[in-house]
Amino acid sequence: CPVVGRVCMDYVMVSLDGVPDAAPGDDVLCIGE
């Protein structure tokens, strides 16, 4: 999921166009596989 916009202190926004089933509470891998 590509980052869109500027990284904030506490949040970062990402495009979910490729993950139509994504929902709040999902795990997000910032570093990992």
PDB file of all heavy atoms in Angstrom:
ATOM      1  N   CYS A   1       0.859  -1.188   0.000  1.00  0.00           N
ATOM      2  CA  CYS A   1       0.000   0.000   0.000  1.00  0.00           C
ATOM      3  C   CYS A   1       0.895   1.238   0.000  1.00  0.00           C
ATOM      4  O   CYS A   1       1.586   1.511   0.999  1.00  0.00           O
ATOM      5  CB  CYS A   1      -0.896   0.006   1.238  1.00  0.00           C
ATOM      6  SG  CYS A   1      -2.023  -1.399   1.325  1.00  0.00           S
ATOM      7  N   PRO A   2       0.882   2.006  -1.085  1.00  0.00           N
ATOM      8  CA  PRO A   2       1.758   3.174  -1.174  1.00  0.00           C
ATOM      9  C   PRO A   2       1.364   4.278  -0.191  1.00  0.00           C
ATOM     10  O   PRO A   2       0.174   4.499   0.075  1.00  0.00           O
ATOM     11  CB  PRO A   2       1.566   3.656  -2.617  1.00  0.00           C
ATOM     12  CG  PRO A   2       0.968   2.498  -3.345  1.00  0.00           C
ATOM     13  CD  PRO A   2       0.150   1.765  -2.337  1.00  0.00           C
ATOM     14  N   VAL A   3       2.367   4.959   0.346  1.00  0.00           N
ATOM     15  CA  VAL A   3       2.138   6.125   1.198  1.00  0.00           C
ATOM     16  C   VAL A   3       1.662   7.278   0.331  1.00  0.00           C
ATOM     17  O   VAL A   3       2.237   7.558  -0.725  1.00  0.00           O
ATOM     18  CB  VAL A   3       3.422   6.515   1.946  1.00  0.00           C
ATOM     19  CG1 VAL A   3       3.240   7.839   2.693  1.00  0.00           C
ATOM     20  CG2 VAL A   3       3.828   5.405   2.916  1.00  0.00           C
ATOM     21  N   VAL A   4       0.613   7.966   0.779  1.00  0.00           N
ATOM     22  CA  VAL A   4       0.116   9.140   0.062  1.00  0.00           C
ATOM     23  C   VAL A   4       0.131  10.322   1.028  1.00  0.00           C
ATOM     24  O   VAL A   4      -0.341  10.229   2.159  1.00  0.00           O
ATOM     25  CB  VAL A   4      -1.297   8.916  -0.519  1.00  0.00           C
ATOM     26  CG1 VAL A   4      -1.254   7.923  -1.669  1.00  0.00           C
ATOM     27  CG2 VAL A   4      -2.277   8.425   0.539  1.00  0.00           C
ATOM     28  N   GLY A   5       0.690  11.409   0.594  1.00  0.00           N
ATOM     29  CA  GLY A   5       0.807  12.581   1.446  1.00  0.00           C
ATOM     30  C   GLY A   5       2.031  12.507   2.335  1.00  0.00           C
ATOM     31  O   GLY A   5       2.812  11.548   2.305  1.00  0.00           O
ATOM     32  N   ARG A   6       2.197  13.531   3.143  1.00  0.00           N
ATOM     33  CA  ARG A   6       3.366  13.643   4.010  1.00  0.00           C
ATOM     34  C   ARG A   6       3.171  12.815   5.284  1.00  0.00           C
ATOM     35  O   ARG A   6       2.082  12.804   5.863  1.00  0.00           O
ATOM     36  CB  ARG A   6       3.593  15.109   4.374  1.00  0.00           C
ATOM     37  CG  ARG A   6       4.867  15.361   5.180  1.00  0.00           C
ATOM     38  CD  ARG A   6       4.970  16.815   5.601  1.00  0.00           C
ATOM     39  NE  ARG A   6       5.079  17.700   4.443  1.00  0.00           N
ATOM     40  CZ  ARG A   6       5.091  19.034   4.537  1.00  0.00           C
ATOM     41  NH1 ARG A   6       4.972  19.613   5.725  1.00  0.00           N
ATOM     42  NH2 ARG A   6       5.203  19.763   3.450  1.00  0.00           N
ATOM     43  N   VAL A   7       4.229  12.148   5.689  1.00  0.00           N
ATOM     44  CA  VAL A   7       4.206  11.418   6.968  1.00  0.00           C
ATOM     45  C   VAL A   7       4.017  12.419   8.106  1.00  0.00           C
ATOM     46  O   VAL A   7       4.732  13.425   8.192  1.00  0.00           O
ATOM     47  CB  VAL A   7       5.507  10.628   7.163  1.00  0.00           C
ATOM     48  CG1 VAL A   7       5.530   9.955   8.537  1.00  0.00           C
ATOM     49  CG2 VAL A   7       5.688   9.585   6.049  1.00  0.00           C
ATOM     50  N   CYS A   8       3.058  12.160   8.973  1.00  0.00           N
ATOM     51  CA  CYS A   8       2.806  13.029  10.125  1.00  0.00           C
ATOM     52  C   CYS A   8       3.550  12.484  11.347  1.00  0.00           C
ATOM     53  O   CYS A   8       4.133  11.403  11.312  1.00  0.00           O
ATOM     54  CB  CYS A   8       1.311  13.092  10.425  1.00  0.00           C
ATOM     55  SG  CYS A   8       0.260  13.497   9.016  1.00  0.00           S
ATOM     56  N   MET A   9       3.501  13.219  12.438  1.00  0.00           N
ATOM     57  CA  MET A   9       4.169  12.763  13.651  1.00  0.00           C
ATOM     58  C   MET A   9       3.590  11.444  14.158  1.00  0.00           C
ATOM     59  O   MET A   9       4.333  10.563  14.609  1.00  0.00           O
ATOM     60  CB  MET A   9       4.069  13.823  14.747  1.00  0.00           C
ATOM     61  CG  MET A   9       4.789  13.434  16.037  1.00  0.00           C
ATOM     62  SD  MET A   9       4.639  14.665  17.354  1.00  0.00           S
ATOM     63  CE  MET A   9       5.632  16.004  16.690  1.00  0.00           C
ATOM     64  N   ASP A  10       2.257  11.297  14.070  1.00  0.00           N
ATOM     65  CA  ASP A  10       1.586  10.157  14.677  1.00  0.00           C
ATOM     66  C   ASP A  10       0.833   9.273  13.685  1.00  0.00           C
ATOM     67  O   ASP A  10       0.353   8.202  14.077  1.00  0.00           O
ATOM     68  CB  ASP A  10       0.593  10.638  15.736  1.00  0.00           C
ATOM     69  CG  ASP A  10       1.217  11.657  16.671  1.00  0.00           C
ATOM     70  OD1 ASP A  10       2.189  11.311  17.347  1.00  0.00           O
ATOM     71  OD2 ASP A  10       0.742  12.817  16.689  1.00  0.00           O
ATOM     72  N   TYR A  11       0.726   9.696  12.456  1.00  0.00           N
ATOM     73  CA  TYR A  11      -0.045   8.962  11.463  1.00  0.00           C
ATOM     74  C   TYR A  11       0.645   9.036  10.106  1.00  0.00           C
ATOM     75  O   TYR A  11       1.428   9.941   9.824  1.00  0.00           O
ATOM     76  CB  TYR A  11      -1.462   9.539  11.316  1.00  0.00           C
ATOM     77  CG  TYR A  11      -2.325   9.382  12.548  1.00  0.00           C
ATOM     78  CD1 TYR A  11      -2.480  10.432  13.449  1.00  0.00           C
ATOM     79  CD2 TYR A  11      -2.993   8.184  12.810  1.00  0.00           C
ATOM     80  CE1 TYR A  11      -3.269  10.302  14.579  1.00  0.00           C
ATOM     81  CE2 TYR A  11      -3.792   8.046  13.939  1.00  0.00           C
ATOM     82  CZ  TYR A  11      -3.928   9.101  14.817  1.00  0.00           C
ATOM     83  OH  TYR A  11      -4.708   8.964  15.941  1.00  0.00           O
ATOM     84  N   VAL A  12       0.274   8.073   9.247  1.00  0.00           N
ATOM     85  CA  VAL A  12       0.663   8.123   7.842  1.00  0.00           C
ATOM     86  C   VAL A  12      -0.519   7.582   7.042  1.00  0.00           C
ATOM     87  O   VAL A  12      -1.187   6.631   7.475  1.00  0.00           O
ATOM     88  CB  VAL A  12       1.959   7.318   7.578  1.00  0.00           C
ATOM     89  CG1 VAL A  12       1.774   5.836   7.918  1.00  0.00           C
ATOM     90  CG2 VAL A  12       2.407   7.465   6.128  1.00  0.00           C
ATOM     91  N   MET A  13      -0.800   8.220   5.933  1.00  0.00           N
ATOM     92  CA  MET A  13      -1.923   7.798   5.107  1.00  0.00           C
ATOM     93  C   MET A  13      -1.429   6.966   3.927  1.00  0.00           C
ATOM     94  O   MET A  13      -0.359   7.237   3.376  1.00  0.00           O
ATOM     95  CB  MET A  13      -2.697   9.018   4.601  1.00  0.00           C
ATOM     96  CG  MET A  13      -3.558   9.679   5.673  1.00  0.00           C
ATOM     97  SD  MET A  13      -2.603  10.459   7.014  1.00  0.00           S
ATOM     98  CE  MET A  13      -2.000  11.955   6.208  1.00  0.00           C
ATOM     99  N   VAL A  14      -2.229   5.946   3.562  1.00  0.00           N
ATOM    100  CA  VAL A  14      -1.823   5.043   2.487  1.00  0.00           C
ATOM    101  C   VAL A  14      -3.003   4.774   1.561  1.00  0.00           C
ATOM    102  O   VAL A  14      -4.172   4.857   1.972  1.00  0.00           O
ATOM    103  CB  VAL A  14      -1.296   3.702   3.048  1.00  0.00           C
ATOM    104  CG1 VAL A  14      -0.068   3.937   3.919  1.00  0.00           C
ATOM    105  CG2 VAL A  14      -2.369   2.946   3.816  1.00  0.00           C
ATOM    106  N   SER A  15      -2.696   4.459   0.327  1.00  0.00           N
ATOM    107  CA  SER A  15      -3.728   4.076  -0.629  1.00  0.00           C
ATOM    108  C   SER A  15      -4.161   2.642  -0.364  1.00  0.00           C
ATOM    109  O   SER A  15      -3.329   1.738  -0.231  1.00  0.00           O
ATOM    110  CB  SER A  15      -3.184   4.187  -2.057  1.00  0.00           C
ATOM    111  OG  SER A  15      -4.091   3.593  -2.969  1.00  0.00           O
ATOM    112  N   LEU A  16      -5.482   2.429  -0.304  1.00  0.00           N
ATOM    113  CA  LEU A  16      -6.043   1.095  -0.093  1.00  0.00           C
ATOM    114  C   LEU A  16      -6.728   0.566  -1.346  1.00  0.00           C
ATOM    115  O   LEU A  16      -7.500  -0.403  -1.275  1.00  0.00           O
ATOM    116  CB  LEU A  16      -7.048   1.131   1.066  1.00  0.00           C
ATOM    117  CG  LEU A  16      -6.480   1.453   2.449  1.00  0.00           C
ATOM    118  CD1 LEU A  16      -7.606   1.515   3.472  1.00  0.00           C
ATOM    119  CD2 LEU A  16      -5.442   0.419   2.862  1.00  0.00           C
ATOM    120  N   ASP A  17      -6.435   1.164  -2.473  1.00  0.00           N
ATOM    121  CA  ASP A  17      -7.088   0.728  -3.707  1.00  0.00           C
ATOM    122  C   ASP A  17      -6.822  -0.742  -4.008  1.00  0.00           C
ATOM    123  O   ASP A  17      -7.665  -1.426  -4.608  1.00  0.00           O
ATOM    124  CB  ASP A  17      -6.618   1.586  -4.890  1.00  0.00           C
ATOM    125  CG  ASP A  17      -7.292   2.946  -4.899  1.00  0.00           C
ATOM    126  OD1 ASP A  17      -8.247   3.132  -4.129  1.00  0.00           O
ATOM    127  OD2 ASP A  17      -6.856   3.825  -5.666  1.00  0.00           O
ATOM    128  N   GLY A  18      -5.654  -1.230  -3.568  1.00  0.00           N
ATOM    129  CA  GLY A  18      -5.332  -2.636  -3.831  1.00  0.00           C
ATOM    130  C   GLY A  18      -5.762  -3.589  -2.731  1.00  0.00           C
ATOM    131  O   GLY A  18      -5.533  -4.794  -2.812  1.00  0.00           O
ATOM    132  N   VAL A  19      -6.409  -3.040  -1.687  1.00  0.00           N
ATOM    133  CA  VAL A  19      -6.837  -3.879  -0.558  1.00  0.00           C
ATOM    134  C   VAL A  19      -8.290  -3.515  -0.227  1.00  0.00           C
ATOM    135  O   VAL A  19      -8.581  -2.866   0.780  1.00  0.00           O
ATOM    136  CB  VAL A  19      -5.933  -3.659   0.680  1.00  0.00           C
ATOM    137  CG1 VAL A  19      -6.170  -4.773   1.704  1.00  0.00           C
ATOM    138  CG2 VAL A  19      -4.474  -3.590   0.298  1.00  0.00           C
ATOM    139  N   PRO A  20      -9.227  -3.919  -1.058  1.00  0.00           N
ATOM    140  CA  PRO A  20     -10.618  -3.488  -0.870  1.00  0.00           C
ATOM    141  C   PRO A  20     -11.248  -3.991   0.425  1.00  0.00           C
ATOM    142  O   PRO A  20     -12.235  -3.421   0.899  1.00  0.00           O
ATOM    143  CB  PRO A  20     -11.337  -4.086  -2.089  1.00  0.00           C
ATOM    144  CG  PRO A  20     -10.455  -5.204  -2.554  1.00  0.00           C
ATOM    145  CD  PRO A  20      -9.065  -4.775  -2.254  1.00  0.00           C
ATOM    146  N   ASP A  21     -10.665  -5.065   1.012  1.00  0.00           N
ATOM    147  CA  ASP A  21     -11.251  -5.610   2.236  1.00  0.00           C
ATOM    148  C   ASP A  21     -10.589  -5.080   3.504  1.00  0.00           C
ATOM    149  O   ASP A  21     -10.910  -5.523   4.616  1.00  0.00           O
ATOM    150  CB  ASP A  21     -11.174  -7.140   2.226  1.00  0.00           C
ATOM    151  CG  ASP A  21      -9.770  -7.647   1.915  1.00  0.00           C
ATOM    152  OD1 ASP A  21      -8.907  -6.826   1.517  1.00  0.00           O
ATOM    153  OD2 ASP A  21      -9.533  -8.861   2.057  1.00  0.00           O
ATOM    154  N   ALA A  22      -9.651  -4.119   3.384  1.00  0.00           N
ATOM    155  CA  ALA A  22      -8.971  -3.566   4.564  1.00  0.00           C
ATOM    156  C   ALA A  22      -9.979  -2.909   5.502  1.00  0.00           C
ATOM    157  O   ALA A  22     -10.942  -2.270   5.062  1.00  0.00           O
ATOM    158  CB  ALA A  22      -7.925  -2.557   4.135  1.00  0.00           C
ATOM    159  N   ALA A  23      -9.730  -3.059   6.819  1.00  0.00           N
ATOM    160  CA  ALA A  23     -10.668  -2.523   7.812  1.00  0.00           C
ATOM    161  C   ALA A  23      -9.899  -1.997   9.013  1.00  0.00           C
ATOM    162  O   ALA A  23      -8.778  -2.445   9.290  1.00  0.00           O
ATOM    163  CB  ALA A  23     -11.634  -3.624   8.250  1.00  0.00           C
ATOM    164  N   PRO A  24     -10.464  -1.035   9.723  1.00  0.00           N
ATOM    165  CA  PRO A  24      -9.809  -0.528  10.929  1.00  0.00           C
ATOM    166  C   PRO A  24      -9.455  -1.667  11.884  1.00  0.00           C
ATOM    167  O   PRO A  24     -10.236  -2.605  12.067  1.00  0.00           O
ATOM    168  CB  PRO A  24     -10.864   0.407  11.540  1.00  0.00           C
ATOM    169  CG  PRO A  24     -11.661   0.869  10.359  1.00  0.00           C
ATOM    170  CD  PRO A  24     -11.736  -0.327   9.445  1.00  0.00           C
ATOM    171  N   GLY A  25      -8.272  -1.568  12.475  1.00  0.00           N
ATOM    172  CA  GLY A  25      -7.785  -2.614  13.370  1.00  0.00           C
ATOM    173  C   GLY A  25      -6.865  -3.602  12.693  1.00  0.00           C
ATOM    174  O   GLY A  25      -6.203  -4.401  13.369  1.00  0.00           O
ATOM    175  N   ASP A  26      -6.802  -3.583  11.354  1.00  0.00           N
ATOM    176  CA  ASP A  26      -5.894  -4.484  10.638  1.00  0.00           C
ATOM    177  C   ASP A  26      -4.444  -4.209  11.035  1.00  0.00           C
ATOM    178  O   ASP A  26      -4.064  -3.059  11.282  1.00  0.00           O
ATOM    179  CB  ASP A  26      -6.026  -4.293   9.124  1.00  0.00           C
ATOM    180  CG  ASP A  26      -7.217  -5.013   8.528  1.00  0.00           C
ATOM    181  OD1 ASP A  26      -7.911  -5.725   9.272  1.00  0.00           O
ATOM    182  OD2 ASP A  26      -7.451  -4.857   7.305  1.00  0.00           O
ATOM    183  N   ASP A  27      -3.649  -5.286  11.048  1.00  0.00           N
ATOM    184  CA  ASP A  27      -2.211  -5.117  11.222  1.00  0.00           C
ATOM    185  C   ASP A  27      -1.616  -4.449   9.988  1.00  0.00           C
ATOM    186  O   ASP A  27      -2.030  -4.721   8.853  1.00  0.00           O
ATOM    187  CB  ASP A  27      -1.526  -6.470  11.419  1.00  0.00           C
ATOM    188  CG  ASP A  27      -1.721  -7.035  12.817  1.00  0.00           C
ATOM    189  OD1 ASP A  27      -1.979  -6.238  13.741  1.00  0.00           O
ATOM    190  OD2 ASP A  27      -1.625  -8.253  12.980  1.00  0.00           O
ATOM    191  N   VAL A  28      -0.650  -3.582  10.237  1.00  0.00           N
ATOM    192  CA  VAL A  28       0.078  -2.905   9.159  1.00  0.00           C
ATOM    193  C   VAL A  28       1.560  -3.182   9.367  1.00  0.00           C
ATOM    194  O   VAL A  28       2.125  -2.867  10.412  1.00  0.00           O
ATOM    195  CB  VAL A  28      -0.173  -1.383   9.177  1.00  0.00           C
ATOM    196  CG1 VAL A  28       0.643  -0.703   8.080  1.00  0.00           C
ATOM    197  CG2 VAL A  28      -1.650  -1.082   9.011  1.00  0.00           C
ATOM    198  N   LEU A  29       2.179  -3.801   8.374  1.00  0.00           N
ATOM    199  CA  LEU A  29       3.622  -4.033   8.437  1.00  0.00           C
ATOM    200  C   LEU A  29       4.340  -2.811   7.879  1.00  0.00           C
ATOM    201  O   LEU A  29       4.230  -2.505   6.686  1.00  0.00           O
ATOM    202  CB  LEU A  29       4.012  -5.268   7.628  1.00  0.00           C
ATOM    203  CG  LEU A  29       3.902  -6.635   8.293  1.00  0.00           C
ATOM    204  CD1 LEU A  29       4.375  -7.712   7.332  1.00  0.00           C
ATOM    205  CD2 LEU A  29       4.714  -6.685   9.564  1.00  0.00           C
ATOM    206  N   CYS A  30       5.050  -2.117   8.755  1.00  0.00           N
ATOM    207  CA  CYS A  30       5.862  -0.987   8.304  1.00  0.00           C
ATOM    208  C   CYS A  30       7.237  -1.473   7.871  1.00  0.00           C
ATOM    209  O   CYS A  30       7.814  -0.974   6.905  1.00  0.00           O
ATOM    210  CB  CYS A  30       5.995   0.045   9.426  1.00  0.00           C
ATOM    211  SG  CYS A  30       4.415   0.719   9.968  1.00  0.00           S
ATOM    212  N   ILE A  31       7.784  -2.439   8.625  1.00  0.00           N
ATOM    213  CA  ILE A  31       8.991  -3.160   8.241  1.00  0.00           C
ATOM    214  C   ILE A  31       8.698  -4.633   8.451  1.00  0.00           C
ATOM    215  O   ILE A  31       8.232  -5.040   9.518  1.00  0.00           O
ATOM    216  CB  ILE A  31      10.214  -2.754   9.089  1.00  0.00           C
ATOM    217  CG1 ILE A  31      10.608  -1.306   8.809  1.00  0.00           C
ATOM    218  CG2 ILE A  31      11.402  -3.671   8.801  1.00  0.00           C
ATOM    219  CD1 ILE A  31      11.762  -0.813   9.671  1.00  0.00           C
ATOM    220  N   GLY A  32       8.948  -5.438   7.425  1.00  0.00           N
ATOM    221  CA  GLY A  32       8.708  -6.863   7.552  1.00  0.00           C
ATOM    222  C   GLY A  32       8.327  -7.483   6.234  1.00  0.00           C
ATOM    223  O   GLY A  32       8.415  -6.842   5.170  1.00  0.00           O
ATOM    224  N   GLU A  33       7.896  -8.745   6.291  1.00  0.00           N
ATOM    225  CA  GLU A  33       7.549  -9.489   5.078  1.00  0.00           C
ATOM    226  C   GLU A  33       6.223 -10.203   5.277  1.00  0.00           C
ATOM    227  O   GLU A  33       5.941 -10.740   6.347  1.00  0.00           O
ATOM    228  CB  GLU A  33       8.652 -10.506   4.767  1.00  0.00           C
ATOM    229  CG  GLU A  33       8.478 -11.256   3.454  1.00  0.00           C
ATOM    230  CD  GLU A  33       7.587 -12.481   3.562  1.00  0.00           C
ATOM    231  OE1 GLU A  33       7.503 -13.055   4.668  1.00  0.00           O
ATOM    232  OE2 GLU A  33       6.949 -12.855   2.551  1.00  0.00           O
TER     233      GLU A  33
END
